[in-house]
Amino acid sequence: MDHKEKLSSDESKILSLIPNGIDGRATTVDISTITGMSVRRIRLVVSDLIKKGVPIVSERSQDSKGLYIATTDYERSLGLASFSNQINDMERRKLKLQQIDLNNWRSNFCFEDELKLNEG
């Protein structure tokens, strides 16, 4: 007997709004508008769906944004490339945070109130 994963109400709602294939993407904002759920909640539920085995991928390029269910290896590879780019960006941010001088970082900036004092 096959074991079937049970989906929560939120998971079922969101899954029903994510199109199959790259040609029909749904943004988290669109899904939020339809469901009334926050974008953060949608992202958490999508993460849970992926962990359960749903091949949801996303594109984050300027021209094409949104979630879709990968139906081919090519579509999955596009989604994985976008995901890898996000991971790389997060790694660069992590490294930068590790290098910031916690005691003196403010001295690298001229804040708006300082500008006003210098103008007056």
C-alpha atoms as a PDB file:
ATOM      1  CA  MET A   1       0.000   0.000   0.000  1.00  0.00           C
ATOM      2  CA  ASP A   2       1.367   3.404  -0.990  1.00  0.00           C
ATOM      3  CA  HIS A   3       1.831   6.025   1.689  1.00  0.00           C
ATOM      4  CA  LYS A   4       0.296   9.324   0.650  1.00  0.00           C
ATOM      5  CA  GLU A   5       1.398  12.567   2.270  1.00  0.00           C
ATOM      6  CA  LYS A   6      -1.452  14.498   3.858  1.00  0.00           C
ATOM      7  CA  LEU A   7      -1.666  18.172   2.923  1.00  0.00           C
ATOM      8  CA  SER A   8      -2.909  20.879   5.249  1.00  0.00           C
ATOM      9  CA  SER A   9      -5.656  23.242   4.171  1.00  0.00           C
ATOM     10  CA  ASP A  10      -3.102  26.003   3.485  1.00  0.00           C
ATOM     11  CA  GLU A  11      -0.903  23.611   1.513  1.00  0.00           C
ATOM     12  CA  SER A  12      -3.844  22.485  -0.616  1.00  0.00           C
ATOM     13  CA  LYS A  13      -4.949  26.071  -1.304  1.00  0.00           C
ATOM     14  CA  ILE A  14      -1.499  27.253  -2.300  1.00  0.00           C
ATOM     15  CA  LEU A  15      -0.716  24.156  -4.359  1.00  0.00           C
ATOM     16  CA  SER A  16      -3.945  24.647  -6.320  1.00  0.00           C
ATOM     17  CA  LEU A  17      -2.761  28.153  -7.291  1.00  0.00           C
ATOM     18  CA  ILE A  18       0.707  27.189  -8.536  1.00  0.00           C
ATOM     19  CA  PRO A  19       0.582  26.362 -12.236  1.00  0.00           C
ATOM     20  CA  ASN A  20       2.206  23.371 -13.901  1.00  0.00           C
ATOM     21  CA  GLY A  21       5.042  24.389 -16.191  1.00  0.00           C
ATOM     22  CA  ILE A  22       7.096  27.488 -16.768  1.00  0.00           C
ATOM     23  CA  ASP A  23       4.583  29.212 -19.038  1.00  0.00           C
ATOM     24  CA  GLY A  24       2.209  30.023 -16.199  1.00  0.00           C
ATOM     25  CA  ARG A  25       3.945  31.448 -13.142  1.00  0.00           C
ATOM     26  CA  ALA A  26       2.198  32.678 -10.007  1.00  0.00           C
ATOM     27  CA  THR A  27       3.844  35.261  -7.775  1.00  0.00           C
ATOM     28  CA  THR A  28       3.644  35.064  -4.011  1.00  0.00           C
ATOM     29  CA  VAL A  29       1.908  38.463  -4.090  1.00  0.00           C
ATOM     30  CA  ASP A  30      -0.760  37.085  -6.443  1.00  0.00           C
ATOM     31  CA  ILE A  31      -1.270  34.048  -4.209  1.00  0.00           C
ATOM     32  CA  SER A  32      -1.421  36.319  -1.159  1.00  0.00           C
ATOM     33  CA  THR A  33      -4.097  38.462  -2.779  1.00  0.00           C
ATOM     34  CA  ILE A  34      -6.205  35.427  -3.623  1.00  0.00           C
ATOM     35  CA  THR A  35      -5.803  33.572  -0.318  1.00  0.00           C
ATOM     36  CA  GLY A  36      -5.469  36.431   2.148  1.00  0.00           C
ATOM     37  CA  MET A  37      -2.321  34.788   3.539  1.00  0.00           C
ATOM     38  CA  SER A  38       0.843  36.794   4.083  1.00  0.00           C
ATOM     39  CA  VAL A  39       3.689  36.437   1.602  1.00  0.00           C
ATOM     40  CA  ARG A  40       5.818  35.109   4.455  1.00  0.00           C
ATOM     41  CA  ARG A  41       3.235  32.396   5.196  1.00  0.00           C
ATOM     42  CA  ILE A  42       3.101  31.448   1.525  1.00  0.00           C
ATOM     43  CA  ARG A  43       6.881  31.080   1.387  1.00  0.00           C
ATOM     44  CA  LEU A  44       6.829  28.864   4.476  1.00  0.00           C
ATOM     45  CA  VAL A  45       4.077  26.671   3.020  1.00  0.00           C
ATOM     46  CA  VAL A  46       5.888  26.410  -0.330  1.00  0.00           C
ATOM     47  CA  SER A  47       9.005  25.314   1.545  1.00  0.00           C
ATOM     48  CA  ASP A  48       6.958  22.653   3.350  1.00  0.00           C
ATOM     49  CA  LEU A  49       5.473  21.467   0.039  1.00  0.00           C
ATOM     50  CA  ILE A  50       8.948  21.108  -1.458  1.00  0.00           C
ATOM     51  CA  LYS A  51      10.055  19.102   1.593  1.00  0.00           C
ATOM     52  CA  LYS A  52       7.054  16.836   1.015  1.00  0.00           C
ATOM     53  CA  GLY A  53       8.130  16.222  -2.578  1.00  0.00           C
ATOM     54  CA  VAL A  54       6.332  18.804  -4.717  1.00  0.00           C
ATOM     55  CA  PRO A  55       8.720  20.085  -7.444  1.00  0.00           C
ATOM     56  CA  ILE A  56       7.955  23.782  -6.969  1.00  0.00           C
ATOM     57  CA  VAL A  57      10.575  26.073  -8.453  1.00  0.00           C
ATOM     58  CA  SER A  58      10.731  29.806  -8.933  1.00  0.00           C
ATOM     59  CA  GLU A  59      12.248  32.377 -11.211  1.00  0.00           C
ATOM     60  CA  ARG A  60      13.516  35.665  -9.861  1.00  0.00           C
ATOM     61  CA  SER A  61      14.840  37.387 -12.948  1.00  0.00           C
ATOM     62  CA  GLN A  62      13.806  40.873 -14.053  1.00  0.00           C
ATOM     63  CA  ASP A  63      11.664  39.570 -16.892  1.00  0.00           C
ATOM     64  CA  SER A  64      10.103  36.527 -15.286  1.00  0.00           C
ATOM     65  CA  LYS A  65       9.117  36.081 -11.678  1.00  0.00           C
ATOM     66  CA  GLY A  66       6.966  33.533  -9.998  1.00  0.00           C
ATOM     67  CA  LEU A  67       6.425  30.003  -8.839  1.00  0.00           C
ATOM     68  CA  TYR A  68       5.575  27.006 -10.976  1.00  0.00           C
ATOM     69  CA  ILE A  69       5.631  23.243 -10.742  1.00  0.00           C
ATOM     70  CA  ALA A  70       8.502  21.865 -12.797  1.00  0.00           C
ATOM     71  CA  THR A  71       7.243  19.371 -15.357  1.00  0.00           C
ATOM     72  CA  THR A  72      10.528  18.714 -17.178  1.00  0.00           C
ATOM     73  CA  ASP A  73      14.179  18.364 -16.241  1.00  0.00           C
ATOM     74  CA  TYR A  74      14.827  21.617 -18.116  1.00  0.00           C
ATOM     75  CA  GLU A  75      12.273  23.523 -16.031  1.00  0.00           C
ATOM     76  CA  ARG A  76      13.728  22.059 -12.847  1.00  0.00           C
ATOM     77  CA  SER A  77      17.249  23.064 -13.934  1.00  0.00           C
ATOM     78  CA  LEU A  78      16.097  26.649 -14.528  1.00  0.00           C
ATOM     79  CA  GLY A  79      14.573  26.770 -11.066  1.00  0.00           C
ATOM     80  CA  LEU A  80      17.673  25.249  -9.510  1.00  0.00           C
ATOM     81  CA  ALA A  81      19.881  27.825 -11.247  1.00  0.00           C
ATOM     82  CA  SER A  82      17.760  30.627  -9.789  1.00  0.00           C
ATOM     83  CA  PHE A  83      17.942  28.985  -6.367  1.00  0.00           C
ATOM     84  CA  SER A  84      21.722  28.602  -6.643  1.00  0.00           C
ATOM     85  CA  ASN A  85      22.046  32.308  -7.462  1.00  0.00           C
ATOM     86  CA  GLN A  86      20.065  33.141  -4.335  1.00  0.00           C
ATOM     87  CA  ILE A  87      22.278  30.869  -2.234  1.00  0.00           C
ATOM     88  CA  ASN A  88      25.412  32.508  -3.664  1.00  0.00           C
ATOM     89  CA  ASP A  89      24.047  35.971  -2.871  1.00  0.00           C
ATOM     90  CA  MET A  90      23.270  34.912   0.689  1.00  0.00           C
ATOM     91  CA  GLU A  91      26.783  33.509   1.056  1.00  0.00           C
ATOM     92  CA  ARG A  92      28.282  36.851  -0.096  1.00  0.00           C
ATOM     93  CA  ARG A  93      26.115  38.690   2.463  1.00  0.00           C
ATOM     94  CA  LYS A  94      27.210  36.268   5.191  1.00  0.00           C
ATOM     95  CA  LEU A  95      30.878  36.810   4.390  1.00  0.00           C
ATOM     96  CA  LYS A  96      30.423  40.577   4.364  1.00  0.00           C
ATOM     97  CA  LEU A  97      28.664  40.472   7.736  1.00  0.00           C
ATOM     98  CA  GLN A  98      31.546  38.476   9.172  1.00  0.00           C
ATOM     99  CA  GLN A  99      33.986  41.197   8.062  1.00  0.00           C
ATOM    100  CA  ILE A 100      32.130  44.265   9.370  1.00  0.00           C
ATOM    101  CA  ASP A 101      33.796  46.053  12.286  1.00  0.00           C
ATOM    102  CA  LEU A 102      31.022  46.058  14.894  1.00  0.00           C
ATOM    103  CA  ASN A 103      32.533  48.969  16.812  1.00  0.00           C
ATOM    104  CA  ASN A 104      33.347  51.364  13.984  1.00  0.00           C
ATOM    105  CA  TRP A 105      30.997  50.721  11.051  1.00  0.00           C
ATOM    106  CA  ARG A 106      29.093  53.977  11.617  1.00  0.00           C
ATOM    107  CA  SER A 107      32.223  56.022  10.885  1.00  0.00           C
ATOM    108  CA  ASN A 108      31.984  54.890   7.250  1.00  0.00           C
ATOM    109  CA  PHE A 109      28.754  56.825   6.698  1.00  0.00           C
ATOM    110  CA  CYS A 110      27.526  60.394   6.651  1.00  0.00           C
ATOM    111  CA  PHE A 111      24.030  60.367   8.125  1.00  0.00           C
ATOM    112  CA  GLU A 112      21.284  62.785   7.058  1.00  0.00           C
ATOM    113  CA  ASP A 113      21.340  64.788  10.307  1.00  0.00           C
ATOM    114  CA  GLU A 114      25.104  65.330   9.875  1.00  0.00           C
ATOM    115  CA  LEU A 115      24.502  66.612   6.341  1.00  0.00           C
ATOM    116  CA  LYS A 116      22.006  69.177   7.634  1.00  0.00           C
ATOM    117  CA  LEU A 117      24.475  70.407  10.266  1.00  0.00           C
ATOM    118  CA  ASN A 118      27.171  70.819   7.603  1.00  0.00           C
ATOM    119  CA  GLU A 119      24.801  72.716   5.271  1.00  0.00           C
ATOM    120  CA  GLY A 120      23.664  75.164   7.966  1.00  0.00           C
END
